Amino acid sequence: MITVMVFGLSGCAGTTVASMGKAPDYSRKECWLQFPKITTDVDTFYIYSTAYYESSFKEGAPDYATIDNPEMVEGAKGEYVTNASVYESSTNVFVPYYRQAGMRYAGEVRKKTGNIDSAISGISYDDISAALDYYFEHCNQGRPFIIAGHSHGASMAKYVLTHYFKKHPDYYKRMVAAYVIGFSVTQEDLTKYPHLKFATGENDTGVIISWNTEGPKNVKENAKNAVVLPNAISINPLNWKLDETYAPASRNLGSFMPNIKARRYEITDIGADAQVVLARGVVVTNAKWDHPADPEFFGPQSFHEDDYTFYYNNLKDNVAKRIAAYRSLAK
């Protein structure tokens, strides 16, 4: 069952001017989209993707959203249902609001520098690191945890892995896994930050799990995709292999897709198979889904918005398996 605990944002520090002031006061529960009751012995800290999107392109729009930006808040709520909920059955899910770089600004930064690090390393990272500080000091109580995100949130999760946990190795020792889905983790990342390890199977722990989902047309055209970087690594979410072994849709435990008539998401079969393409560093699928992501940013046949939903039940199953493996090692 999917539940979302959402708080009003009035009184949350840092709501007025996105480019100024200190990070929000994360002791105030209204600064969290989800601040859960503790029901199990493992947590997830989830970072949502770009929800400050359309309004970021309006004339005069700020580079960063305020923490109470309506578009961002609504987008984050929706993403909880489609993505973050995958961690609910196994963990206590924490989701902070944060001052997020808008799609326009992040795109401009990427064109200038080749990545979006400078768009997330200031204001946004100040907020996420403040939320992490509060979480570890007041909420975690020594429990093992998962770091997770998607797209923009996955890029921030990677930044947390490379910077925050480099400063906090005592916390990092308790990390079950990091699900950096919808943004590239590269061979260069692993070389530059040797404390990072990429998953090699379905139940190793202390590792990064990452993939970007595309259709065959993106691969055939070698299309530009804002989240696919050179030397990216993807793991197959159906067979948990790093090579090009094909995984048929029969191995898919269920996709989590919208039922427009019923106005809800539900588990269904859309034929979402999976195969890693090593030369591009992505997962390719022949899923029967005719709603690709924005071609301007992701190419003509990217399923970026469905990195989680296509493989929802397999991902949920994998979270449980990695937690079980972590518990077994901890005995």
C-alpha atoms as a PDB file:
ATOM      1  CA  MET A   1       0.000   0.000   0.000  1.00  0.00           C
ATOM      2  CA  ILE A   2       1.357   3.428  -0.938  1.00  0.00           C
ATOM      3  CA  THR A   3       1.105   6.162   1.664  1.00  0.00           C
ATOM      4  CA  VAL A   4       2.456   9.693   1.568  1.00  0.00           C
ATOM      5  CA  MET A   5       2.809  11.894   4.645  1.00  0.00           C
ATOM      6  CA  VAL A   6       2.871  15.480   3.368  1.00  0.00           C
ATOM      7  CA  PHE A   7       3.282  18.530   5.594  1.00  0.00           C
ATOM      8  CA  GLY A   8       2.457  22.168   4.891  1.00  0.00           C
ATOM      9  CA  LEU A   9       5.469  24.389   4.299  1.00  0.00           C
ATOM     10  CA  SER A  10       4.518  27.478   6.284  1.00  0.00           C
ATOM     11  CA  GLY A  11       7.240  28.366   8.773  1.00  0.00           C
ATOM     12  CA  CYS A  12       9.913  26.268   7.075  1.00  0.00           C
ATOM     13  CA  ALA A  13      13.114  28.309   7.095  1.00  0.00           C
ATOM     14  CA  GLY A  14      14.545  29.213   3.699  1.00  0.00           C
ATOM     15  CA  THR A  15      11.230  29.390   1.825  1.00  0.00           C
ATOM     16  CA  THR A  16      11.341  32.959   0.574  1.00  0.00           C
ATOM     17  CA  VAL A  17      14.439  33.542  -1.557  1.00  0.00           C
ATOM     18  CA  ALA A  18      15.998  30.481  -3.141  1.00  0.00           C
ATOM     19  CA  SER A  19      19.377  32.078  -3.855  1.00  0.00           C
ATOM     20  CA  MET A  20      19.893  33.549  -0.398  1.00  0.00           C
ATOM     21  CA  GLY A  21      19.962  32.503   3.216  1.00  0.00           C
ATOM     22  CA  LYS A  22      20.728  29.377   5.126  1.00  0.00           C
ATOM     23  CA  ALA A  23      19.428  25.903   4.433  1.00  0.00           C
ATOM     24  CA  PRO A  24      15.961  25.068   5.759  1.00  0.00           C
ATOM     25  CA  ASP A  25      15.626  24.075   9.407  1.00  0.00           C
ATOM     26  CA  TYR A  26      15.153  20.336   9.017  1.00  0.00           C
ATOM     27  CA  SER A  27      14.099  19.945  12.636  1.00  0.00           C
ATOM     28  CA  ARG A  28      10.766  21.290  11.368  1.00  0.00           C
ATOM     29  CA  LYS A  29       8.804  18.383   9.950  1.00  0.00           C
ATOM     30  CA  GLU A  30       7.140  20.644   7.388  1.00  0.00           C
ATOM     31  CA  CYS A  31      10.503  20.796   5.601  1.00  0.00           C
ATOM     32  CA  TRP A  32      10.098  17.114   4.727  1.00  0.00           C
ATOM     33  CA  LEU A  33       7.806  15.671   2.090  1.00  0.00           C
ATOM     34  CA  GLN A  34       8.004  12.383   3.961  1.00  0.00           C
ATOM     35  CA  PHE A  35       9.052  12.010   7.593  1.00  0.00           C
ATOM     36  CA  PRO A  36       8.005   8.465   8.471  1.00  0.00           C
ATOM     37  CA  LYS A  37       7.066   6.593  11.574  1.00  0.00           C
ATOM     38  CA  ILE A  38       9.831   4.079  12.283  1.00  0.00           C
ATOM     39  CA  THR A  39       8.476   0.610  11.553  1.00  0.00           C
ATOM     40  CA  THR A  40      11.566  -1.307  10.471  1.00  0.00           C
ATOM     41  CA  ASP A  41      15.323  -1.409  11.078  1.00  0.00           C
ATOM     42  CA  VAL A  42      16.450   0.062   7.703  1.00  0.00           C
ATOM     43  CA  ASP A  43      15.912   3.571   6.298  1.00  0.00           C
ATOM     44  CA  THR A  44      15.883   5.131   2.842  1.00  0.00           C
ATOM     45  CA  PHE A  45      16.917   8.736   2.217  1.00  0.00           C
ATOM     46  CA  TYR A  46      15.326   9.613  -1.142  1.00  0.00           C
ATOM     47  CA  ILE A  47      16.151  12.677  -3.280  1.00  0.00           C
ATOM     48  CA  TYR A  48      13.545  13.604  -5.894  1.00  0.00           C
ATOM     49  CA  SER A  49      14.277  14.566  -9.503  1.00  0.00           C
ATOM     50  CA  THR A  50      13.651  17.795 -11.416  1.00  0.00           C
ATOM     51  CA  ALA A  51      10.200  18.957 -10.395  1.00  0.00           C
ATOM     52  CA  TYR A  52      10.909  22.670 -10.977  1.00  0.00           C
ATOM     53  CA  TYR A  53      10.498  22.255 -14.720  1.00  0.00           C
ATOM     54  CA  GLU A  54       8.052  24.244 -16.845  1.00  0.00           C
ATOM     55  CA  SER A  55       7.926  27.340 -14.646  1.00  0.00           C
ATOM     56  CA  SER A  56      11.744  27.520 -14.668  1.00  0.00           C
ATOM     57  CA  PHE A  57      11.554  28.573 -18.337  1.00  0.00           C
ATOM     58  CA  LYS A  58       9.283  31.573 -17.690  1.00  0.00           C
ATOM     59  CA  GLU A  59      10.819  34.991 -18.155  1.00  0.00           C
ATOM     60  CA  GLY A  60      12.458  36.154 -14.965  1.00  0.00           C
ATOM     61  CA  ALA A  61      12.171  32.762 -13.264  1.00  0.00           C
ATOM     62  CA  PRO A  62      14.892  32.190 -10.625  1.00  0.00           C
ATOM     63  CA  ASP A  63      17.600  29.615 -11.228  1.00  0.00           C
ATOM     64  CA  TYR A  64      16.559  27.738  -8.073  1.00  0.00           C
ATOM     65  CA  ALA A  65      13.107  26.948  -6.747  1.00  0.00           C
ATOM     66  CA  THR A  66      12.051  28.147  -3.349  1.00  0.00           C
ATOM     67  CA  ILE A  67      11.334  25.257  -1.042  1.00  0.00           C
ATOM     68  CA  ASP A  68       7.593  25.935  -1.318  1.00  0.00           C
ATOM     69  CA  ASN A  69       7.512  26.336  -5.117  1.00  0.00           C
ATOM     70  CA  PRO A  70       4.086  24.866  -6.065  1.00  0.00           C
ATOM     71  CA  GLU A  71       5.289  23.075  -9.205  1.00  0.00           C
ATOM     72  CA  MET A  72       8.197  21.492  -7.354  1.00  0.00           C
ATOM     73  CA  VAL A  73       6.081  20.422  -4.393  1.00  0.00           C
ATOM     74  CA  GLU A  74       3.429  18.795  -6.588  1.00  0.00           C
ATOM     75  CA  GLY A  75       6.032  17.092  -8.758  1.00  0.00           C
ATOM     76  CA  ALA A  76       7.843  15.732  -5.717  1.00  0.00           C
ATOM     77  CA  LYS A  77       4.568  14.318  -4.345  1.00  0.00           C
ATOM     78  CA  GLY A  78       3.885  12.566  -7.646  1.00  0.00           C
ATOM     79  CA  GLU A  79       7.384  11.138  -7.774  1.00  0.00           C
ATOM     80  CA  TYR A  80       6.947   9.710  -4.304  1.00  0.00           C
ATOM     81  CA  VAL A  81       4.090   7.601  -5.639  1.00  0.00           C
ATOM     82  CA  THR A  82       5.869   6.371  -8.772  1.00  0.00           C
ATOM     83  CA  ASN A  83       9.443   6.037  -7.511  1.00  0.00           C
ATOM     84  CA  ALA A  84      10.148   6.469  -3.806  1.00  0.00           C
ATOM     85  CA  SER A  85       7.271   4.156  -2.876  1.00  0.00           C
ATOM     86  CA  VAL A  86       9.348   1.220  -4.136  1.00  0.00           C
ATOM     87  CA  TYR A  87      11.353   1.457  -0.895  1.00  0.00           C
ATOM     88  CA  GLU A  88       8.300   1.646   1.398  1.00  0.00           C
ATOM     89  CA  SER A  89       7.729  -2.066   1.954  1.00  0.00           C
ATOM     90  CA  SER A  90      11.288  -2.633   3.221  1.00  0.00           C
ATOM     91  CA  THR A  91      12.394   0.664   4.766  1.00  0.00           C
ATOM     92  CA  ASN A  92      11.415   3.873   6.535  1.00  0.00           C
ATOM     93  CA  VAL A  93      11.477   6.464   3.728  1.00  0.00           C
ATOM     94  CA  PHE A  94      12.715  10.005   4.430  1.00  0.00           C
ATOM     95  CA  VAL A  95      12.299  12.663   1.696  1.00  0.00           C
ATOM     96  CA  PRO A  96      13.416  16.258   2.316  1.00  0.00           C
ATOM     97  CA  TYR A  97      12.268  19.259   0.344  1.00  0.00           C
ATOM     98  CA  TYR A  98      15.225  21.215  -1.047  1.00  0.00           C
ATOM     99  CA  ARG A  99      15.946  24.305  -3.140  1.00  0.00           C
ATOM    100  CA  GLN A 100      16.343  22.711  -6.517  1.00  0.00           C
ATOM    101  CA  ALA A 101      18.027  23.974  -9.683  1.00  0.00           C
ATOM    102  CA  GLY A 102      15.409  24.439 -12.394  1.00  0.00           C
ATOM    103  CA  MET A 103      15.474  22.511 -15.661  1.00  0.00           C
ATOM    104  CA  ARG A 104      16.403  25.637 -17.619  1.00  0.00           C
ATOM    105  CA  TYR A 105      19.363  26.509 -15.415  1.00  0.00           C
ATOM    106  CA  ALA A 106      20.603  22.926 -15.091  1.00  0.00           C
ATOM    107  CA  GLY A 107      20.493  22.618 -18.888  1.00  0.00           C
ATOM    108  CA  GLU A 108      22.470  25.838 -19.320  1.00  0.00           C
ATOM    109  CA  VAL A 109      25.106  24.665 -16.861  1.00  0.00           C
ATOM    110  CA  ARG A 110      25.416  21.316 -18.588  1.00  0.00           C
ATOM    111  CA  LYS A 111      25.937  22.969 -21.993  1.00  0.00           C
ATOM    112  CA  LYS A 112      28.697  25.162 -20.576  1.00  0.00           C
ATOM    113  CA  THR A 113      30.540  22.617 -18.425  1.00  0.00           C
ATOM    114  CA  GLY A 114      29.520  19.157 -19.648  1.00  0.00           C
ATOM    115  CA  ASN A 115      27.764  18.224 -16.387  1.00  0.00           C
ATOM    116  CA  ILE A 116      25.420  19.753 -13.822  1.00  0.00           C
ATOM    117  CA  ASP A 117      27.720  19.567 -10.807  1.00  0.00           C
ATOM    118  CA  SER A 118      28.033  23.336 -10.471  1.00  0.00           C
ATOM    119  CA  ALA A 119      24.227  23.626 -10.484  1.00  0.00           C
ATOM    120  CA  ILE A 120      23.815  21.177  -7.601  1.00  0.00           C
ATOM    121  CA  SER A 121      26.990  21.770  -5.596  1.00  0.00           C
ATOM    122  CA  GLY A 122      25.925  25.053  -3.998  1.00  0.00           C
ATOM    123  CA  ILE A 123      22.424  25.878  -2.808  1.00  0.00           C
ATOM    124  CA  SER A 124      20.911  22.447  -3.499  1.00  0.00           C
ATOM    125  CA  TYR A 125      23.763  20.534  -1.888  1.00  0.00           C
ATOM    126  CA  ASP A 126      23.699  22.906   1.101  1.00  0.00           C
ATOM    127  CA  ASP A 127      20.100  21.855   1.673  1.00  0.00           C
ATOM    128  CA  ILE A 128      20.634  18.126   1.117  1.00  0.00           C
ATOM    129  CA  SER A 129      23.725  18.038   3.332  1.00  0.00           C
ATOM    130  CA  ALA A 130      21.814  19.915   6.053  1.00  0.00           C
ATOM    131  CA  ALA A 131      18.965  17.399   5.764  1.00  0.00           C
ATOM    132  CA  LEU A 132      21.465  14.533   5.967  1.00  0.00           C
ATOM    133  CA  ASP A 133      23.124  16.078   9.020  1.00  0.00           C
ATOM    134  CA  TYR A 134      19.758  16.322  10.765  1.00  0.00           C
ATOM    135  CA  TYR A 135      18.775  12.821   9.676  1.00  0.00           C
ATOM    136  CA  PHE A 136      21.966  11.164  10.923  1.00  0.00           C
ATOM    137  CA  GLU A 137      22.180  13.172  14.141  1.00  0.00           C
ATOM    138  CA  HIS A 138      18.534  12.941  15.192  1.00  0.00           C
ATOM    139  CA  CYS A 139      16.652  10.299  13.190  1.00  0.00           C
ATOM    140  CA  ASN A 140      18.816   7.401  12.063  1.00  0.00           C
ATOM    141  CA  GLN A 141      19.762   5.992  15.470  1.00  0.00           C
ATOM    142  CA  GLY A 142      22.498   3.819  13.972  1.00  0.00           C
ATOM    143  CA  ARG A 143      20.254   1.947  11.513  1.00  0.00           C
ATOM    144  CA  PRO A 144      21.555   0.766   8.128  1.00  0.00           C
ATOM    145  CA  PHE A 145      20.240   2.876   5.276  1.00  0.00           C
ATOM    146  CA  ILE A 146      19.780   3.252   1.523  1.00  0.00           C
ATOM    147  CA  ILE A 147      20.524   6.411  -0.462  1.00  0.00           C
ATOM    148  CA  ALA A 148      18.306   6.718  -3.519  1.00  0.00           C
ATOM    149  CA  GLY A 149      17.109   9.140  -6.144  1.00  0.00           C
ATOM    150  CA  HIS A 150      16.187   9.600  -9.765  1.00  0.00           C
ATOM    151  CA  SER A 151      17.528  11.878 -12.525  1.00  0.00           C
ATOM    152  CA  HIS A 152      18.406  15.228 -10.905  1.00  0.00           C
ATOM    153  CA  GLY A 153      17.992  13.477  -7.552  1.00  0.00           C
ATOM    154  CA  ALA A 154      20.292  10.682  -8.686  1.00  0.00           C
ATOM    155  CA  SER A 155      22.946  13.211  -9.699  1.00  0.00           C
ATOM    156  CA  MET A 156      22.616  14.682  -6.207  1.00  0.00           C
ATOM    157  CA  ALA A 157      22.805  11.194  -4.682  1.00  0.00           C
ATOM    158  CA  LYS A 158      26.047  10.657  -6.606  1.00  0.00           C
ATOM    159  CA  TYR A 159      27.346  13.988  -5.314  1.00  0.00           C
ATOM    160  CA  VAL A 160      26.456  12.880  -1.785  1.00  0.00           C
ATOM    161  CA  LEU A 161      28.388   9.637  -2.327  1.00  0.00           C
ATOM    162  CA  THR A 162      31.463  11.417  -3.644  1.00  0.00           C
ATOM    163  CA  HIS A 163      31.507  14.328  -1.187  1.00  0.00           C
ATOM    164  CA  TYR A 164      29.312  13.915   1.902  1.00  0.00           C
ATOM    165  CA  PHE A 165      30.273  10.325   2.619  1.00  0.00           C
ATOM    166  CA  LYS A 166      33.916  10.988   1.913  1.00  0.00           C
ATOM    167  CA  LYS A 167      33.709  13.298   4.947  1.00  0.00           C
ATOM    168  CA  HIS A 168      31.562  10.864   6.932  1.00  0.00           C
ATOM    169  CA  PRO A 169      33.013   7.365   6.503  1.00  0.00           C
ATOM    170  CA  ASP A 170      31.429   6.312   9.801  1.00  0.00           C
ATOM    171  CA  TYR A 171      27.980   6.766   8.254  1.00  0.00           C
ATOM    172  CA  TYR A 172      29.029   5.252   4.939  1.00  0.00           C
ATOM    173  CA  LYS A 173      29.875   1.937   6.612  1.00  0.00           C
ATOM    174  CA  ARG A 174      26.153   1.427   7.302  1.00  0.00           C
ATOM    175  CA  MET A 175      25.002   2.024   3.720  1.00  0.00           C
ATOM    176  CA  VAL A 176      23.149  -1.009   2.377  1.00  0.00           C
ATOM    177  CA  ALA A 177      23.213   0.327  -1.189  1.00  0.00           C
ATOM    178  CA  ALA A 178      22.858   3.469  -3.293  1.00  0.00           C
ATOM    179  CA  TYR A 179      20.222   3.449  -6.056  1.00  0.00           C
ATOM    180  CA  VAL A 180      21.522   6.147  -8.426  1.00  0.00           C
ATOM    181  CA  ILE A 181      18.928   5.549 -11.132  1.00  0.00           C
ATOM    182  CA  GLY A 182      18.387   7.795 -14.141  1.00  0.00           C
ATOM    183  CA  PHE A 183      21.793   9.473 -14.099  1.00  0.00           C
ATOM    184  CA  SER A 184      25.160   8.137 -15.200  1.00  0.00           C
ATOM    185  CA  VAL A 185      27.746   6.663 -12.892  1.00  0.00           C
ATOM    186  CA  THR A 186      30.931   6.352 -14.933  1.00  0.00           C
ATOM    187  CA  GLN A 187      34.184   4.443 -14.861  1.00  0.00           C
ATOM    188  CA  GLU A 188      35.898   7.760 -14.160  1.00  0.00           C
ATOM    189  CA  ASP A 189      33.739   8.252 -11.053  1.00  0.00           C
ATOM    190  CA  LEU A 190      34.894   4.915  -9.655  1.00  0.00           C
ATOM    191  CA  THR A 191      38.535   5.705 -10.410  1.00  0.00           C
ATOM    192  CA  LYS A 192      38.424   9.209  -8.944  1.00  0.00           C
ATOM    193  CA  TYR A 193      36.567   8.119  -5.802  1.00  0.00           C
ATOM    194  CA  PRO A 194      37.951   4.685  -4.853  1.00  0.00           C
ATOM    195  CA  HIS A 195      35.608   4.363  -1.874  1.00  0.00           C
ATOM    196  CA  LEU A 196      32.782   3.855  -4.393  1.00  0.00           C
ATOM    197  CA  LYS A 197      31.936   0.347  -5.626  1.00  0.00           C
ATOM    198  CA  PHE A 198      29.466  -0.548  -8.374  1.00  0.00           C
ATOM    199  CA  ALA A 199      27.141  -3.544  -7.971  1.00  0.00           C
ATOM    200  CA  THR A 200      28.226  -6.802  -9.604  1.00  0.00           C
ATOM    201  CA  GLY A 201      25.104  -8.846  -8.872  1.00  0.00           C
ATOM    202  CA  GLU A 202      21.701  -8.846  -7.224  1.00  0.00           C
ATOM    203  CA  ASN A 203      22.649  -8.954  -3.549  1.00  0.00           C
ATOM    204  CA  ASP A 204      26.032  -7.324  -2.948  1.00  0.00           C
ATOM    205  CA  THR A 205      25.967  -4.474  -0.427  1.00  0.00           C
ATOM    206  CA  GLY A 206      27.666  -1.113   0.031  1.00  0.00           C
ATOM    207  CA  VAL A 207      27.424  -0.687  -3.735  1.00  0.00           C
ATOM    208  CA  ILE A 208      25.901   1.592  -6.381  1.00  0.00           C
ATOM    209  CA  ILE A 209      23.034   0.413  -8.558  1.00  0.00           C
ATOM    210  CA  SER A 210      22.451   2.534 -11.656  1.00  0.00           C
ATOM    211  CA  TRP A 211      20.911   2.429 -15.110  1.00  0.00           C
ATOM    212  CA  ASN A 212      19.404   4.652 -17.799  1.00  0.00           C
ATOM    213  CA  THR A 213      16.569   3.211 -19.899  1.00  0.00           C
ATOM    214  CA  GLU A 214      16.318   3.813 -23.644  1.00  0.00           C
ATOM    215  CA  GLY A 215      14.601   2.401 -26.696  1.00  0.00           C
ATOM    216  CA  PRO A 216      16.506   1.004 -29.706  1.00  0.00           C
ATOM    217  CA  LYS A 217      16.138   4.248 -31.682  1.00  0.00           C
ATOM    218  CA  ASN A 218      18.282   6.216 -29.224  1.00  0.00           C
ATOM    219  CA  VAL A 219      21.028   3.618 -29.528  1.00  0.00           C
ATOM    220  CA  LYS A 220      20.803   3.355 -33.315  1.00  0.00           C
ATOM    221  CA  GLU A 221      21.084   7.133 -33.717  1.00  0.00           C
ATOM    222  CA  ASN A 222      23.621   7.532 -30.900  1.00  0.00           C
ATOM    223  CA  ALA A 223      21.281  10.251 -29.702  1.00  0.00           C
ATOM    224  CA  LYS A 224      22.299  12.918 -27.234  1.00  0.00           C
ATOM    225  CA  ASN A 225      20.797  12.193 -23.836  1.00  0.00           C
ATOM    226  CA  ALA A 226      21.299  14.665 -20.987  1.00  0.00           C
ATOM    227  CA  VAL A 227      21.691  11.901 -18.392  1.00  0.00           C
ATOM    228  CA  VAL A 228      23.917   9.522 -20.388  1.00  0.00           C
ATOM    229  CA  LEU A 229      27.605  10.354 -20.017  1.00  0.00           C
ATOM    230  CA  PRO A 230      30.647   8.797 -21.717  1.00  0.00           C
ATOM    231  CA  ASN A 231      31.775   5.521 -20.106  1.00  0.00           C
ATOM    232  CA  ALA A 232      28.520   5.188 -18.183  1.00  0.00           C
ATOM    233  CA  ILE A 233      27.771   1.929 -16.384  1.00  0.00           C
ATOM    234  CA  SER A 234      24.329   0.333 -16.229  1.00  0.00           C
ATOM    235  CA  ILE A 235      23.244  -2.863 -14.530  1.00  0.00           C
ATOM    236  CA  ASN A 236      20.384  -4.909 -15.960  1.00  0.00           C
ATOM    237  CA  PRO A 237      17.387  -4.580 -13.588  1.00  0.00           C
ATOM    238  CA  LEU A 238      15.963  -7.968 -14.630  1.00  0.00           C
ATOM    239  CA  ASN A 239      19.004 -10.256 -14.354  1.00  0.00           C
ATOM    240  CA  TRP A 240      21.384  -7.976 -12.386  1.00  0.00           C
ATOM    241  CA  LYS A 241      24.241  -8.528 -14.828  1.00  0.00           C
ATOM    242  CA  LEU A 242      26.712  -5.970 -16.144  1.00  0.00           C
ATOM    243  CA  ASP A 243      27.238  -7.691 -19.489  1.00  0.00           C
ATOM    244  CA  GLU A 244      24.945  -7.786 -22.523  1.00  0.00           C
ATOM    245  CA  THR A 245      23.035 -10.919 -21.503  1.00  0.00           C
ATOM    246  CA  TYR A 246      19.459 -10.376 -22.681  1.00  0.00           C
ATOM    247  CA  ALA A 247      16.655 -10.547 -20.090  1.00  0.00           C
ATOM    248  CA  PRO A 248      13.212 -11.242 -21.621  1.00  0.00           C
ATOM    249  CA  ALA A 249      10.051  -9.566 -20.379  1.00  0.00           C
ATOM    250  CA  SER A 250       9.053 -12.865 -18.756  1.00  0.00           C
ATOM    251  CA  ARG A 251      11.578 -11.998 -16.035  1.00  0.00           C
ATOM    252  CA  ASN A 252       9.801  -8.724 -15.304  1.00  0.00           C
ATOM    253  CA  LEU A 253       7.797  -9.048 -12.073  1.00  0.00           C
ATOM    254  CA  GLY A 254       5.539  -6.133 -12.959  1.00  0.00           C
ATOM    255  CA  SER A 255       5.667  -2.555 -14.231  1.00  0.00           C
ATOM    256  CA  PHE A 256       3.913   0.244 -12.317  1.00  0.00           C
ATOM    257  CA  MET A 257       2.057   2.217 -14.961  1.00  0.00           C
ATOM    258  CA  PRO A 258      -0.827   4.726 -15.120  1.00  0.00           C
ATOM    259  CA  ASN A 259      -4.371   3.522 -15.714  1.00  0.00           C
ATOM    260  CA  ILE A 260      -5.822   6.678 -17.230  1.00  0.00           C
ATOM    261  CA  LYS A 261      -9.477   5.613 -16.944  1.00  0.00           C
ATOM    262  CA  ALA A 262      -9.151   4.542 -13.327  1.00  0.00           C
ATOM    263  CA  ARG A 263      -6.938   7.568 -12.529  1.00  0.00           C
ATOM    264  CA  ARG A 264      -4.365   5.526 -10.666  1.00  0.00           C
ATOM    265  CA  TYR A 265      -1.115   3.625 -11.098  1.00  0.00           C
ATOM    266  CA  GLU A 266      -1.238  -0.151 -11.105  1.00  0.00           C
ATOM    267  CA  ILE A 267       1.015  -3.140 -11.653  1.00  0.00           C
ATOM    268  CA  THR A 268       0.773  -4.388 -15.239  1.00  0.00           C
ATOM    269  CA  ASP A 269       2.744  -6.054 -18.026  1.00  0.00           C
ATOM    270  CA  ILE A 270       3.974  -3.802 -20.844  1.00  0.00           C
ATOM    271  CA  GLY A 271       6.601  -6.208 -22.165  1.00  0.00           C
ATOM    272  CA  ALA A 272       9.509  -4.362 -20.537  1.00  0.00           C
ATOM    273  CA  ASP A 273      12.517  -6.543 -21.315  1.00  0.00           C
ATOM    274  CA  ALA A 274      16.090  -5.339 -20.725  1.00  0.00           C
ATOM    275  CA  GLN A 275      19.549  -5.583 -22.239  1.00  0.00           C
ATOM    276  CA  VAL A 276      22.672  -3.614 -21.384  1.00  0.00           C
ATOM    277  CA  VAL A 277      24.404  -1.947 -24.332  1.00  0.00           C
ATOM    278  CA  LEU A 278      27.976  -1.666 -23.115  1.00  0.00           C
ATOM    279  CA  ALA A 279      29.190   0.762 -25.771  1.00  0.00           C
ATOM    280  CA  ARG A 280      26.572   3.318 -24.696  1.00  0.00           C
ATOM    281  CA  GLY A 281      26.261   2.342 -21.030  1.00  0.00           C
ATOM    282  CA  VAL A 282      22.461   2.079 -21.016  1.00  0.00           C
ATOM    283  CA  VAL A 283      19.673  -0.452 -20.664  1.00  0.00           C
ATOM    284  CA  VAL A 284      17.630  -0.911 -23.847  1.00  0.00           C
ATOM    285  CA  THR A 285      14.053  -2.117 -23.795  1.00  0.00           C
ATOM    286  CA  ASN A 286      11.343  -2.975 -26.313  1.00  0.00           C
ATOM    287  CA  ALA A 287       8.579  -2.112 -23.863  1.00  0.00           C
ATOM    288  CA  LYS A 288       5.169  -1.427 -25.360  1.00  0.00           C
ATOM    289  CA  TRP A 289       4.963   2.162 -24.188  1.00  0.00           C
ATOM    290  CA  ASP A 290       4.498   5.052 -26.574  1.00  0.00           C
ATOM    291  CA  HIS A 291       5.339   7.922 -24.230  1.00  0.00           C
ATOM    292  CA  PRO A 292       9.066   8.678 -24.453  1.00  0.00           C
ATOM    293  CA  ALA A 293      10.694  11.428 -22.411  1.00  0.00           C
ATOM    294  CA  ASP A 294      11.237  14.956 -23.765  1.00  0.00           C
ATOM    295  CA  PRO A 295      13.276  14.411 -26.976  1.00  0.00           C
ATOM    296  CA  GLU A 296      14.958  17.814 -26.673  1.00  0.00           C
ATOM    297  CA  PHE A 297      16.792  16.648 -23.570  1.00  0.00           C
ATOM    298  CA  PHE A 298      16.831  12.862 -23.824  1.00  0.00           C
ATOM    299  CA  GLY A 299      16.722  11.894 -27.508  1.00  0.00           C
ATOM    300  CA  PRO A 300      13.908  10.483 -29.673  1.00  0.00           C
ATOM    301  CA  GLN A 301      13.315   7.293 -27.682  1.00  0.00           C
ATOM    302  CA  SER A 302      14.354   7.648 -24.069  1.00  0.00           C
ATOM    303  CA  PHE A 303      12.302   6.127 -21.265  1.00  0.00           C
ATOM    304  CA  HIS A 304      13.972   8.309 -18.688  1.00  0.00           C
ATOM    305  CA  GLU A 305      10.743   9.041 -16.844  1.00  0.00           C
ATOM    306  CA  ASP A 306      10.105   5.302 -16.479  1.00  0.00           C
ATOM    307  CA  ASP A 307      13.480   4.089 -15.168  1.00  0.00           C
ATOM    308  CA  TYR A 308      11.682   3.086 -11.968  1.00  0.00           C
ATOM    309  CA  THR A 309       8.195   2.253 -13.204  1.00  0.00           C
ATOM    310  CA  PHE A 310       9.181  -0.192 -15.981  1.00  0.00           C
ATOM    311  CA  TYR A 311      11.044  -2.381 -13.470  1.00  0.00           C
ATOM    312  CA  TYR A 312       9.116  -1.473 -10.325  1.00  0.00           C
ATOM    313  CA  ASN A 313       8.523  -4.913  -8.793  1.00  0.00           C
ATOM    314  CA  ASN A 314      12.004  -6.157  -9.700  1.00  0.00           C
ATOM    315  CA  LEU A 315      13.468  -3.126  -7.985  1.00  0.00           C
ATOM    316  CA  LYS A 316      11.271  -3.647  -4.937  1.00  0.00           C
ATOM    317  CA  ASP A 317      12.394  -7.278  -4.803  1.00  0.00           C
ATOM    318  CA  ASN A 318      16.031  -6.251  -5.167  1.00  0.00           C
ATOM    319  CA  VAL A 319      15.841  -3.790  -2.284  1.00  0.00           C
ATOM    320  CA  ALA A 320      14.576  -6.591  -0.048  1.00  0.00           C
ATOM    321  CA  LYS A 321      17.342  -8.948  -1.208  1.00  0.00           C
ATOM    322  CA  ARG A 322      20.130  -6.466  -0.569  1.00  0.00           C
ATOM    323  CA  ILE A 323      18.750  -5.704   2.884  1.00  0.00           C
ATOM    324  CA  ALA A 324      18.587  -9.433   3.673  1.00  0.00           C
ATOM    325  CA  ALA A 325      22.196  -9.818   2.514  1.00  0.00           C
ATOM    326  CA  TYR A 326      23.274  -6.872   4.670  1.00  0.00           C
ATOM    327  CA  ARG A 327      21.538  -8.330   7.727  1.00  0.00           C
ATOM    328  CA  SER A 328      23.167 -11.700   7.097  1.00  0.00           C
ATOM    329  CA  LEU A 329      26.631 -10.124   6.932  1.00  0.00           C
ATOM    330  CA  ALA A 330      25.959  -8.081  10.075  1.00  0.00           C
ATOM    331  CA  LYS A 331      25.260 -11.172  12.205  1.00  0.00           C
END
